[in-house]
Each structure stands twice: as structure tokens, then as C-alpha cells.
Amino acid sequence: MRTETKTKKVMYWTLELASYLEDAPWPATKEELIDFAMRAGAPLEVVENLQDIEDEDEIYESIEEIWPDYPSKEDFFFNEDEY
């Protein structure tokens, strides 16, 4: 007996890919983000990642809601007094 299993595609984000959404019209729905990415000429990977979002009607306030590991600006600062 053969059974098929559904494989859940994992979104793959990088800083470069996420940068295409910096100027997106936040807050935005999945469809608005896909439309923005396509109009902005984002790579296919960005559009595919957005298409893989499961919540169709969710309104996203920022990239952090789509990619929780998105580094904040604070992640890039360091205490200059320590050096």
C-alpha cells in the first residue's frame, strides 16, 4: 500500500531577499505583499516565499511577522566603549 505524504515547504529567507520588502506598504495582506514584490521586481524566491504563507486573510505589520528571525537594527550595533 502506497501512501503519499504532504511535505511542507520551508520558506528560505536571507537578508537580501527580505530587503525587497523593506518598502512594502505595511501593514499588508499576503496578496498585497505578493503584488508589491512582483511590481518591485523582487526575485522569484521572494514571491514563492510569500505564496507559501498559510494565513490568507492575516494582516502583517512588518517583515518580522513573516520572518521571525529577521535581524533588527539593534542586532548590528555594538558598544564602542568595549573596544
Protein backbone atom coordinates (compact mmCIF):
# COMPACT_ATOMS: atom_id res chain seq x y z
CA MET A 1 0.00 0.00 0.00
CA ARG A 2 1.43 3.31 -1.06
CA THR A 3 0.68 6.44 0.91
CA GLU A 4 1.56 9.91 -0.10
CA THR A 5 2.76 12.35 2.46
CA LYS A 6 2.48 16.06 2.19
CA THR A 7 5.75 17.83 2.56
CA LYS A 8 5.57 21.28 3.95
CA LYS A 9 7.80 23.65 2.05
CA VAL A 10 10.04 25.68 4.30
CA MET A 11 10.45 29.34 3.50
CA TYR A 12 14.02 30.31 2.92
CA TRP A 13 14.79 33.93 3.75
CA THR A 14 18.05 35.83 3.57
CA LEU A 15 18.74 39.48 4.33
CA GLU A 16 18.99 40.12 0.61
CA LEU A 17 15.59 38.55 -0.10
CA ALA A 18 13.94 40.29 2.85
CA SER A 19 15.37 43.64 1.75
CA TYR A 20 12.95 43.63 -1.19
CA LEU A 21 10.10 44.02 1.31
CA GLU A 22 11.58 46.96 3.25
CA ASP A 23 9.47 49.48 1.35
CA ALA A 24 6.35 47.31 1.25
CA PRO A 25 3.08 49.01 2.18
CA TRP A 26 2.95 47.78 5.80
CA PRO A 27 0.52 46.73 7.19
CA ALA A 28 -0.33 44.43 4.30
CA THR A 29 -2.06 41.19 3.43
CA LYS A 30 -0.36 38.26 1.76
CA GLU A 31 -1.80 39.25 -1.63
CA GLU A 32 -0.71 42.88 -1.24
CA LEU A 33 2.82 41.75 -0.41
CA ILE A 34 2.93 39.42 -3.42
CA ASP A 35 1.68 42.23 -5.67
CA PHE A 36 4.27 44.62 -4.25
CA ALA A 37 7.11 42.11 -4.66
CA MET A 38 6.18 41.44 -8.28
CA ARG A 39 5.90 45.15 -9.12
CA ALA A 40 9.20 45.88 -7.35
CA GLY A 41 11.00 43.26 -9.43
CA ALA A 42 11.86 41.05 -6.46
CA PRO A 43 13.46 37.69 -7.20
CA LEU A 44 11.17 34.71 -7.71
CA GLU A 45 12.24 33.33 -4.32
CA VAL A 46 10.59 36.29 -2.55
CA VAL A 47 7.29 35.74 -4.37
CA GLU A 48 7.43 31.99 -3.72
CA ASN A 49 8.08 32.57 0.00
CA LEU A 50 5.12 34.91 0.20
CA GLN A 51 2.91 32.42 -1.66
CA ASP A 52 3.83 29.78 0.93
CA ILE A 53 2.33 31.84 3.75
CA GLU A 54 -0.67 29.90 5.01
CA ASP A 55 -2.84 32.65 6.52
CA GLU A 56 -4.59 34.18 3.54
CA ASP A 57 -6.53 36.85 5.45
CA GLU A 58 -3.87 37.79 8.00
CA ILE A 59 -2.65 41.36 8.01
CA TYR A 60 1.10 41.60 8.57
CA GLU A 61 2.52 44.65 10.33
CA SER A 62 6.17 44.06 9.37
CA ILE A 63 8.67 41.60 7.95
CA GLU A 64 9.23 40.27 11.47
CA GLU A 65 5.76 38.70 11.38
CA ILE A 66 6.68 36.80 8.23
CA TRP A 67 10.30 36.01 9.14
CA PRO A 68 10.56 35.99 12.96
CA ASP A 69 14.37 35.71 12.81
CA TYR A 70 14.70 38.92 10.81
CA PRO A 71 17.56 40.83 12.43
CA SER A 72 16.65 44.19 13.87
CA LYS A 73 18.87 47.25 13.54
CA GLU A 74 19.86 46.72 17.15
CA ASP A 75 21.45 43.41 16.15
CA PHE A 76 24.02 45.32 14.10
CA PHE A 77 25.08 47.83 16.75
CA PHE A 78 27.79 47.21 19.27
CA ASN A 79 29.04 49.15 22.23
CA GLU A 80 32.01 51.16 21.02
CA ASP A 81 33.18 51.69 24.62
CA GLU A 82 34.01 47.99 24.84
CA TYR A 83 36.71 48.28 22.18
